[in-house]
Amino acid sequence: AVIGIILCIYGEGKVVAAEESLPGVAVYELNVADSDQILRSGTLKAPLTQPVLSLVDATTLLLTANRDEKPLLLDLTSGQTCAPLHRCSCTPTEDVLPAVVSPTVALLCRRKDSESILYDVRSGTKVGCIIGNNKCDVWTVTTNYHALRHPSPSLTTFAFLSASGLLRVYDLRKLDQEISNCQLELPDTAKIANPRIHLSPSGDYLSVSGYDTAVGVYHLGPSNLATEVFRHDGHNHMEQCHGTVLTTITDHV
């Protein structure tokens, strides 16, 4: 199966994956029989096909799709789903991305302009919003919340990056004021359709990939600028099988 998104459940020895044409998520076990084998152990069904995933905690996933369905919370233990979040201003045909901000708060980011609604995942109630950028572009979002490795960052931040390289960074405590708004110096942005970004747990460093085979790391300083401090050539490892590319790795967590 073609895998669109994978998430590692640290400490649990498993990964979950959104696969092409699969309603729900696939579950894979790591280090089977004390080896380097990775085996598929099952499927957790959900009404969203090949969803976008974000991890709330060790047992809960937030799922969204590109259609009319509401975002779902999926219990990885029981396989049960619920739909507590409402896509306020997003029309049914618009694409939203999920991002968990804290153990109790998640956001839905509209890809076309980065407009975001924040929700309490326990009640489904709206707790805040981010005004979008009207520039015609494709956006992606990340937060410095890492559910299992660093569940309680001292400062909760999240960042939006457009396909053309515009970066917007926010602090959860001040949603009406950007920490940073700057233009990253990136490779040919005209060809990018799906940039990928990750914030470090401290919120001080941002990794960016998807513009070429490299991964760039930027320091988010107090001067409202993002300074590149490291560039890795990345990995573009492709296994060929009858002319079909099986694996392409271009991103770092």
C-alpha atoms as a PDB file:
ATOM      1  CA  ALA A   1       0.000   0.000   0.000  1.00  0.00           C
ATOM      2  CA  VAL A   2       1.118   3.574  -0.655  1.00  0.00           C
ATOM      3  CA  ILE A   3       1.671   5.312   2.702  1.00  0.00           C
ATOM      4  CA  GLY A   4       0.836   9.002   2.886  1.00  0.00           C
ATOM      5  CA  ILE A   5       1.651   9.763   6.540  1.00  0.00           C
ATOM      6  CA  ILE A   6       3.281   7.807   9.363  1.00  0.00           C
ATOM      7  CA  LEU A   7       3.499   8.581  13.080  1.00  0.00           C
ATOM      8  CA  CYS A   8       5.731   6.764  15.544  1.00  0.00           C
ATOM      9  CA  ILE A   9       4.243   5.961  18.959  1.00  0.00           C
ATOM     10  CA  TYR A  10       7.435   6.367  21.000  1.00  0.00           C
ATOM     11  CA  GLY A  11       7.874   3.803  23.758  1.00  0.00           C
ATOM     12  CA  GLU A  12       5.037   1.662  22.425  1.00  0.00           C
ATOM     13  CA  GLY A  13       6.969  -0.106  19.667  1.00  0.00           C
ATOM     14  CA  LYS A  14       4.522   0.770  16.933  1.00  0.00           C
ATOM     15  CA  VAL A  15       3.732   3.203  14.163  1.00  0.00           C
ATOM     16  CA  VAL A  16       0.399   4.210  12.669  1.00  0.00           C
ATOM     17  CA  ALA A  17       0.010   5.077   9.018  1.00  0.00           C
ATOM     18  CA  ALA A  18      -2.517   6.644   6.674  1.00  0.00           C
ATOM     19  CA  GLU A  19      -2.555   4.578   3.502  1.00  0.00           C
ATOM     20  CA  GLU A  20      -3.955   5.296   0.079  1.00  0.00           C
ATOM     21  CA  SER A  21      -7.663   4.351  -0.204  1.00  0.00           C
ATOM     22  CA  LEU A  22      -7.722   3.021   3.388  1.00  0.00           C
ATOM     23  CA  PRO A  23     -10.589   4.186   5.649  1.00  0.00           C
ATOM     24  CA  GLY A  24      -8.892   4.713   9.002  1.00  0.00           C
ATOM     25  CA  VAL A  25      -5.282   3.926   9.884  1.00  0.00           C
ATOM     26  CA  ALA A  26      -2.968   0.936   9.664  1.00  0.00           C
ATOM     27  CA  VAL A  27      -0.963  -0.190  12.703  1.00  0.00           C
ATOM     28  CA  TYR A  28       2.557  -1.610  12.397  1.00  0.00           C
ATOM     29  CA  GLU A  29       4.629  -3.315  15.100  1.00  0.00           C
ATOM     30  CA  LEU A  30       8.358  -2.536  15.355  1.00  0.00           C
ATOM     31  CA  ASN A  31      11.233  -4.866  16.297  1.00  0.00           C
ATOM     32  CA  VAL A  32       9.171  -8.002  15.851  1.00  0.00           C
ATOM     33  CA  ALA A  33      10.831 -11.005  17.561  1.00  0.00           C
ATOM     34  CA  ASP A  34      13.731  -8.756  18.644  1.00  0.00           C
ATOM     35  CA  SER A  35      14.651  -8.129  15.026  1.00  0.00           C
ATOM     36  CA  ASP A  36      14.482  -5.139  12.712  1.00  0.00           C
ATOM     37  CA  GLN A  37      11.267  -6.439  11.181  1.00  0.00           C
ATOM     38  CA  ILE A  38       8.249  -4.180  10.901  1.00  0.00           C
ATOM     39  CA  LEU A  39       4.987  -6.051  10.522  1.00  0.00           C
ATOM     40  CA  ARG A  40       1.482  -4.807   9.966  1.00  0.00           C
ATOM     41  CA  SER A  41      -0.636  -5.857  12.932  1.00  0.00           C
ATOM     42  CA  GLY A  42      -4.039  -4.513  11.965  1.00  0.00           C
ATOM     43  CA  THR A  43      -6.310  -1.682  10.891  1.00  0.00           C
ATOM     44  CA  LEU A  44      -8.332   0.747  12.978  1.00  0.00           C
ATOM     45  CA  LYS A  45     -11.328   1.705  10.891  1.00  0.00           C
ATOM     46  CA  ALA A  46     -12.638   5.262  10.656  1.00  0.00           C
ATOM     47  CA  PRO A  47     -14.949   7.047   8.194  1.00  0.00           C
ATOM     48  CA  LEU A  48     -12.044   9.174   6.888  1.00  0.00           C
ATOM     49  CA  THR A  49     -10.033   7.737   3.988  1.00  0.00           C
ATOM     50  CA  GLN A  50      -6.257   8.355   4.026  1.00  0.00           C
ATOM     51  CA  PRO A  51      -6.613  10.996   6.770  1.00  0.00           C
ATOM     52  CA  VAL A  52      -4.050  13.512   7.985  1.00  0.00           C
ATOM     53  CA  LEU A  53      -2.857  12.523  11.474  1.00  0.00           C
ATOM     54  CA  SER A  54      -1.737  14.289  14.637  1.00  0.00           C
ATOM     55  CA  LEU A  55      -0.956  12.557  17.939  1.00  0.00           C
ATOM     56  CA  VAL A  56      -2.767  13.817  21.053  1.00  0.00           C
ATOM     57  CA  ASP A  57      -1.267  11.266  23.466  1.00  0.00           C
ATOM     58  CA  ALA A  58      -0.136   7.631  23.521  1.00  0.00           C
ATOM     59  CA  THR A  59      -3.651   6.359  22.859  1.00  0.00           C
ATOM     60  CA  THR A  60      -5.403   9.126  20.898  1.00  0.00           C
ATOM     61  CA  LEU A  61      -5.114  10.397  17.327  1.00  0.00           C
ATOM     62  CA  LEU A  62      -6.679  13.478  15.744  1.00  0.00           C
ATOM     63  CA  LEU A  63      -7.744  12.813  12.141  1.00  0.00           C
ATOM     64  CA  THR A  64      -8.873  15.140   9.360  1.00  0.00           C
ATOM     65  CA  ALA A  65      -9.663  14.645   5.680  1.00  0.00           C
ATOM     66  CA  ASN A  66     -10.182  16.857   2.646  1.00  0.00           C
ATOM     67  CA  ARG A  67     -13.893  16.417   2.342  1.00  0.00           C
ATOM     68  CA  ASP A  68     -17.117  17.062   4.220  1.00  0.00           C
ATOM     69  CA  GLU A  69     -16.451  14.851   7.244  1.00  0.00           C
ATOM     70  CA  LYS A  70     -15.822  16.381  10.640  1.00  0.00           C
ATOM     71  CA  PRO A  71     -12.414  15.838  12.290  1.00  0.00           C
ATOM     72  CA  LEU A  72     -12.297  12.749  14.472  1.00  0.00           C
ATOM     73  CA  LEU A  73     -10.564  11.586  17.614  1.00  0.00           C
ATOM     74  CA  LEU A  74      -9.541   7.931  17.322  1.00  0.00           C
ATOM     75  CA  ASP A  75      -8.819   5.813  20.408  1.00  0.00           C
ATOM     76  CA  LEU A  76      -5.894   3.555  19.501  1.00  0.00           C
ATOM     77  CA  THR A  77      -6.751   1.115  22.287  1.00  0.00           C
ATOM     78  CA  SER A  78     -10.438   0.532  21.625  1.00  0.00           C
ATOM     79  CA  GLY A  79     -10.650   1.637  17.993  1.00  0.00           C
ATOM     80  CA  GLN A  80     -13.603   3.878  18.858  1.00  0.00           C
ATOM     81  CA  THR A  81     -14.040   7.307  17.258  1.00  0.00           C
ATOM     82  CA  CYS A  82     -15.844  10.489  18.171  1.00  0.00           C
ATOM     83  CA  ALA A  83     -16.237  13.830  16.403  1.00  0.00           C
ATOM     84  CA  PRO A  84     -16.007  16.633  18.956  1.00  0.00           C
ATOM     85  CA  LEU A  85     -14.477  19.325  16.730  1.00  0.00           C
ATOM     86  CA  HIS A  86     -16.367  21.528  14.292  1.00  0.00           C
ATOM     87  CA  ARG A  87     -14.872  23.035  11.154  1.00  0.00           C
ATOM     88  CA  CYS A  88     -16.175  26.516  11.849  1.00  0.00           C
ATOM     89  CA  SER A  89     -15.354  28.658   8.827  1.00  0.00           C
ATOM     90  CA  CYS A  90     -14.103  25.921   6.511  1.00  0.00           C
ATOM     91  CA  THR A  91     -16.346  24.940   3.633  1.00  0.00           C
ATOM     92  CA  PRO A  92     -16.757  21.220   2.836  1.00  0.00           C
ATOM     93  CA  THR A  93     -14.366  21.353  -0.119  1.00  0.00           C
ATOM     94  CA  GLU A  94     -11.527  23.018   1.764  1.00  0.00           C
ATOM     95  CA  ASP A  95      -8.464  21.231   3.058  1.00  0.00           C
ATOM     96  CA  VAL A  96      -7.547  21.481   6.754  1.00  0.00           C
ATOM     97  CA  LEU A  97      -4.535  20.197   8.666  1.00  0.00           C
ATOM     98  CA  PRO A  98      -4.632  19.064  12.318  1.00  0.00           C
ATOM     99  CA  ALA A  99      -1.980  20.007  14.872  1.00  0.00           C
ATOM    100  CA  VAL A 100      -2.026  19.231  18.589  1.00  0.00           C
ATOM    101  CA  VAL A 101      -0.835  22.220  20.623  1.00  0.00           C
ATOM    102  CA  SER A 102      -1.032  20.779  24.155  1.00  0.00           C
ATOM    103  CA  PRO A 103      -2.579  17.747  25.889  1.00  0.00           C
ATOM    104  CA  THR A 104      -5.927  19.577  25.861  1.00  0.00           C
ATOM    105  CA  VAL A 105      -5.766  21.927  22.847  1.00  0.00           C
ATOM    106  CA  ALA A 106      -5.654  21.187  19.124  1.00  0.00           C
ATOM    107  CA  LEU A 107      -5.981  23.394  16.073  1.00  0.00           C
ATOM    108  CA  LEU A 108      -7.323  22.988  12.565  1.00  0.00           C
ATOM    109  CA  CYS A 109      -5.383  24.983   9.970  1.00  0.00           C
ATOM    110  CA  ARG A 110      -6.932  25.859   6.617  1.00  0.00           C
ATOM    111  CA  ARG A 111      -4.225  25.148   4.047  1.00  0.00           C
ATOM    112  CA  LYS A 112      -5.181  27.872   1.592  1.00  0.00           C
ATOM    113  CA  ASP A 113      -4.569  30.793   3.997  1.00  0.00           C
ATOM    114  CA  SER A 114      -3.452  29.374   7.407  1.00  0.00           C
ATOM    115  CA  GLU A 115      -6.633  30.521   9.169  1.00  0.00           C
ATOM    116  CA  SER A 116      -6.862  28.330  12.264  1.00  0.00           C
ATOM    117  CA  ILE A 117      -9.385  27.494  14.947  1.00  0.00           C
ATOM    118  CA  LEU A 118      -8.182  26.164  18.317  1.00  0.00           C
ATOM    119  CA  TYR A 119     -10.325  23.714  20.277  1.00  0.00           C
ATOM    120  CA  ASP A 120     -10.442  22.050  23.650  1.00  0.00           C
ATOM    121  CA  VAL A 121     -10.196  18.385  22.638  1.00  0.00           C
ATOM    122  CA  ARG A 122     -12.146  17.272  25.709  1.00  0.00           C
ATOM    123  CA  SER A 123     -15.287  19.282  25.013  1.00  0.00           C
ATOM    124  CA  GLY A 124     -14.891  20.274  21.365  1.00  0.00           C
ATOM    125  CA  THR A 125     -15.403  23.934  22.230  1.00  0.00           C
ATOM    126  CA  LYS A 126     -13.562  26.729  20.438  1.00  0.00           C
ATOM    127  CA  VAL A 127     -10.875  28.376  22.592  1.00  0.00           C
ATOM    128  CA  GLY A 128      -9.152  30.672  20.111  1.00  0.00           C
ATOM    129  CA  CYS A 129      -8.407  31.512  16.502  1.00  0.00           C
ATOM    130  CA  ILE A 130      -5.619  32.722  14.217  1.00  0.00           C
ATOM    131  CA  ILE A 131      -6.440  35.122  11.388  1.00  0.00           C
ATOM    132  CA  GLY A 132      -5.341  33.771   8.032  1.00  0.00           C
ATOM    133  CA  ASN A 133      -3.041  35.290   5.439  1.00  0.00           C
ATOM    134  CA  ASN A 134      -4.902  36.292   2.276  1.00  0.00           C
ATOM    135  CA  LYS A 135      -1.928  35.591   0.037  1.00  0.00           C
ATOM    136  CA  CYS A 136      -2.768  32.799  -2.410  1.00  0.00           C
ATOM    137  CA  ASP A 137      -0.487  30.039  -1.212  1.00  0.00           C
ATOM    138  CA  VAL A 138      -0.403  26.597   0.380  1.00  0.00           C
ATOM    139  CA  TRP A 139       0.377  26.478   4.100  1.00  0.00           C
ATOM    140  CA  THR A 140       1.492  23.850   6.566  1.00  0.00           C
ATOM    141  CA  VAL A 141       1.587  23.953  10.373  1.00  0.00           C
ATOM    142  CA  THR A 142       3.628  22.495  13.220  1.00  0.00           C
ATOM    143  CA  THR A 143       3.804  22.866  17.014  1.00  0.00           C
ATOM    144  CA  ASN A 144       6.506  22.235  19.615  1.00  0.00           C
ATOM    145  CA  TYR A 145       4.220  19.801  21.448  1.00  0.00           C
ATOM    146  CA  HIS A 146       5.545  16.233  21.279  1.00  0.00           C
ATOM    147  CA  ALA A 147       2.951  14.008  22.908  1.00  0.00           C
ATOM    148  CA  LEU A 148       5.249  11.324  24.307  1.00  0.00           C
ATOM    149  CA  ARG A 149       8.769  12.754  24.279  1.00  0.00           C
ATOM    150  CA  HIS A 150       8.067  16.288  25.582  1.00  0.00           C
ATOM    151  CA  PRO A 151       4.410  16.528  26.640  1.00  0.00           C
ATOM    152  CA  SER A 152       4.798  19.685  28.744  1.00  0.00           C
ATOM    153  CA  PRO A 153       6.922  22.355  27.028  1.00  0.00           C
ATOM    154  CA  SER A 154       7.555  25.453  29.132  1.00  0.00           C
ATOM    155  CA  LEU A 155       6.459  27.650  26.216  1.00  0.00           C
ATOM    156  CA  THR A 156       3.869  26.423  23.723  1.00  0.00           C
ATOM    157  CA  THR A 157       4.535  27.707  20.222  1.00  0.00           C
ATOM    158  CA  PHE A 158       3.318  26.835  16.759  1.00  0.00           C
ATOM    159  CA  ALA A 159       4.441  27.862  13.306  1.00  0.00           C
ATOM    160  CA  PHE A 160       2.917  28.228   9.853  1.00  0.00           C
ATOM    161  CA  LEU A 161       4.980  28.088   6.653  1.00  0.00           C
ATOM    162  CA  SER A 162       3.736  28.874   3.165  1.00  0.00           C
ATOM    163  CA  ALA A 163       4.922  27.200  -0.017  1.00  0.00           C
ATOM    164  CA  SER A 164       6.613  30.482  -0.970  1.00  0.00           C
ATOM    165  CA  GLY A 165       8.577  30.556   2.311  1.00  0.00           C
ATOM    166  CA  LEU A 166       6.601  32.990   4.496  1.00  0.00           C
ATOM    167  CA  LEU A 167       6.943  31.981   8.156  1.00  0.00           C
ATOM    168  CA  ARG A 168       4.511  32.937  10.935  1.00  0.00           C
ATOM    169  CA  VAL A 169       5.156  31.891  14.562  1.00  0.00           C
ATOM    170  CA  TYR A 170       2.769  32.249  17.531  1.00  0.00           C
ATOM    171  CA  ASP A 171       2.739  31.753  21.293  1.00  0.00           C
ATOM    172  CA  LEU A 172      -0.378  30.014  22.624  1.00  0.00           C
ATOM    173  CA  ARG A 173      -0.702  32.716  25.314  1.00  0.00           C
ATOM    174  CA  LYS A 174      -0.886  35.584  22.756  1.00  0.00           C
ATOM    175  CA  LEU A 175      -2.825  34.449  19.724  1.00  0.00           C
ATOM    176  CA  ASP A 176      -3.313  37.999  18.433  1.00  0.00           C
ATOM    177  CA  GLN A 177       0.415  38.737  18.177  1.00  0.00           C
ATOM    178  CA  GLU A 178       3.010  36.956  16.047  1.00  0.00           C
ATOM    179  CA  ILE A 179       6.347  36.071  17.629  1.00  0.00           C
ATOM    180  CA  SER A 180       7.878  36.069  14.175  1.00  0.00           C
ATOM    181  CA  ASN A 181       6.801  36.959  10.645  1.00  0.00           C
ATOM    182  CA  CYS A 182       9.579  36.662   8.088  1.00  0.00           C
ATOM    183  CA  GLN A 183      10.540  35.326   4.693  1.00  0.00           C
ATOM    184  CA  LEU A 184      12.825  32.293   4.594  1.00  0.00           C
ATOM    185  CA  GLU A 185      15.509  32.096   1.928  1.00  0.00           C
ATOM    186  CA  LEU A 186      14.553  28.843   0.257  1.00  0.00           C
ATOM    187  CA  PRO A 187      15.253  27.002  -3.011  1.00  0.00           C
ATOM    188  CA  ASP A 188      12.894  27.212  -5.983  1.00  0.00           C
ATOM    189  CA  THR A 189       9.551  27.744  -4.246  1.00  0.00           C
ATOM    190  CA  ALA A 190       7.608  27.717  -7.514  1.00  0.00           C
ATOM    191  CA  LYS A 191       7.810  23.924  -7.628  1.00  0.00           C
ATOM    192  CA  ILE A 192       6.803  23.151  -4.053  1.00  0.00           C
ATOM    193  CA  ALA A 193       3.316  21.894  -3.279  1.00  0.00           C
ATOM    194  CA  ASN A 194       3.748  20.354   0.164  1.00  0.00           C
ATOM    195  CA  PRO A 195       6.371  21.904   2.466  1.00  0.00           C
ATOM    196  CA  ARG A 196       7.113  20.061   5.706  1.00  0.00           C
ATOM    197  CA  ILE A 197       8.191  21.654   8.970  1.00  0.00           C
ATOM    198  CA  HIS A 198       8.904  20.598  12.563  1.00  0.00           C
ATOM    199  CA  LEU A 199       9.548  22.660  15.693  1.00  0.00           C
ATOM    200  CA  SER A 200      11.990  21.538  18.363  1.00  0.00           C
ATOM    201  CA  PRO A 201      10.512  20.988  21.859  1.00  0.00           C
ATOM    202  CA  SER A 202      12.062  24.294  22.983  1.00  0.00           C
ATOM    203  CA  GLY A 203      10.394  26.120  20.089  1.00  0.00           C
ATOM    204  CA  ASP A 204      13.740  27.720  19.185  1.00  0.00           C
ATOM    205  CA  TYR A 205      14.563  25.636  16.126  1.00  0.00           C
ATOM    206  CA  LEU A 206      12.587  24.839  12.998  1.00  0.00           C
ATOM    207  CA  SER A 207      13.409  22.156  10.432  1.00  0.00           C
ATOM    208  CA  VAL A 208      12.181  22.716   6.883  1.00  0.00           C
ATOM    209  CA  SER A 209      12.099  20.235   4.026  1.00  0.00           C
ATOM    210  CA  GLY A 210      10.266  19.466   0.825  1.00  0.00           C
ATOM    211  CA  TYR A 211      11.725  22.262  -1.297  1.00  0.00           C
ATOM    212  CA  ASP A 212      14.609  20.081  -2.490  1.00  0.00           C
ATOM    213  CA  THR A 213      16.389  16.992  -1.150  1.00  0.00           C
ATOM    214  CA  ALA A 214      17.937  18.942   1.734  1.00  0.00           C
ATOM    215  CA  VAL A 215      16.682  19.592   5.263  1.00  0.00           C
ATOM    216  CA  GLY A 216      17.337  23.075   6.636  1.00  0.00           C
ATOM    217  CA  VAL A 217      17.381  23.946  10.340  1.00  0.00           C
ATOM    218  CA  TYR A 218      16.600  27.532  11.361  1.00  0.00           C
ATOM    219  CA  HIS A 219      17.047  29.312  14.682  1.00  0.00           C
ATOM    220  CA  LEU A 220      14.057  31.443  15.670  1.00  0.00           C
ATOM    221  CA  GLY A 221      15.680  34.354  17.455  1.00  0.00           C
ATOM    222  CA  PRO A 222      14.293  37.404  19.279  1.00  0.00           C
ATOM    223  CA  SER A 223      14.925  39.669  16.281  1.00  0.00           C
ATOM    224  CA  ASN A 224      11.836  38.425  14.430  1.00  0.00           C
ATOM    225  CA  LEU A 225      14.120  36.586  12.009  1.00  0.00           C
ATOM    226  CA  ALA A 226      14.805  32.932  11.265  1.00  0.00           C
ATOM    227  CA  THR A 227      18.501  32.224  10.694  1.00  0.00           C
ATOM    228  CA  GLU A 228      19.670  29.060   8.983  1.00  0.00           C
ATOM    229  CA  VAL A 229      22.153  27.299  11.280  1.00  0.00           C
ATOM    230  CA  PHE A 230      22.440  23.885   9.639  1.00  0.00           C
ATOM    231  CA  ARG A 231      21.706  22.237   6.312  1.00  0.00           C
ATOM    232  CA  HIS A 232      21.675  18.501   5.792  1.00  0.00           C
ATOM    233  CA  ASP A 233      21.800  17.081   2.301  1.00  0.00           C
ATOM    234  CA  GLY A 234      18.859  14.936   3.342  1.00  0.00           C
ATOM    235  CA  HIS A 235      18.060  11.467   2.215  1.00  0.00           C
ATOM    236  CA  ASN A 236      16.630  10.648  -1.142  1.00  0.00           C
ATOM    237  CA  HIS A 237      16.864   6.893  -0.860  1.00  0.00           C
ATOM    238  CA  MET A 238      14.793   5.175  -3.499  1.00  0.00           C
ATOM    239  CA  GLU A 239      14.331   1.455  -3.840  1.00  0.00           C
ATOM    240  CA  GLN A 240      13.425   0.363  -7.329  1.00  0.00           C
ATOM    241  CA  CYS A 241      11.110  -2.550  -7.945  1.00  0.00           C
ATOM    242  CA  HIS A 242      10.049  -3.098 -11.529  1.00  0.00           C
ATOM    243  CA  GLY A 243      10.529   0.600 -12.187  1.00  0.00           C
ATOM    244  CA  THR A 244       8.390   1.714  -9.219  1.00  0.00           C
ATOM    245  CA  VAL A 245       9.741   3.952  -6.460  1.00  0.00           C
ATOM    246  CA  LEU A 246       8.946   2.331  -3.114  1.00  0.00           C
ATOM    247  CA  THR A 247      10.584   4.663  -0.625  1.00  0.00           C
ATOM    248  CA  THR A 248      11.542   8.308  -0.616  1.00  0.00           C
ATOM    249  CA  ILE A 249      12.766   9.950   2.601  1.00  0.00           C
ATOM    250  CA  THR A 250      13.242  13.714   2.598  1.00  0.00           C
ATOM    251  CA  ASP A 251      12.260  14.783   6.100  1.00  0.00           C
ATOM    252  CA  HIS A 252      13.558  14.828   9.660  1.00  0.00           C
ATOM    253  CA  VAL A 253      11.580  14.918  12.882  1.00  0.00           C
END
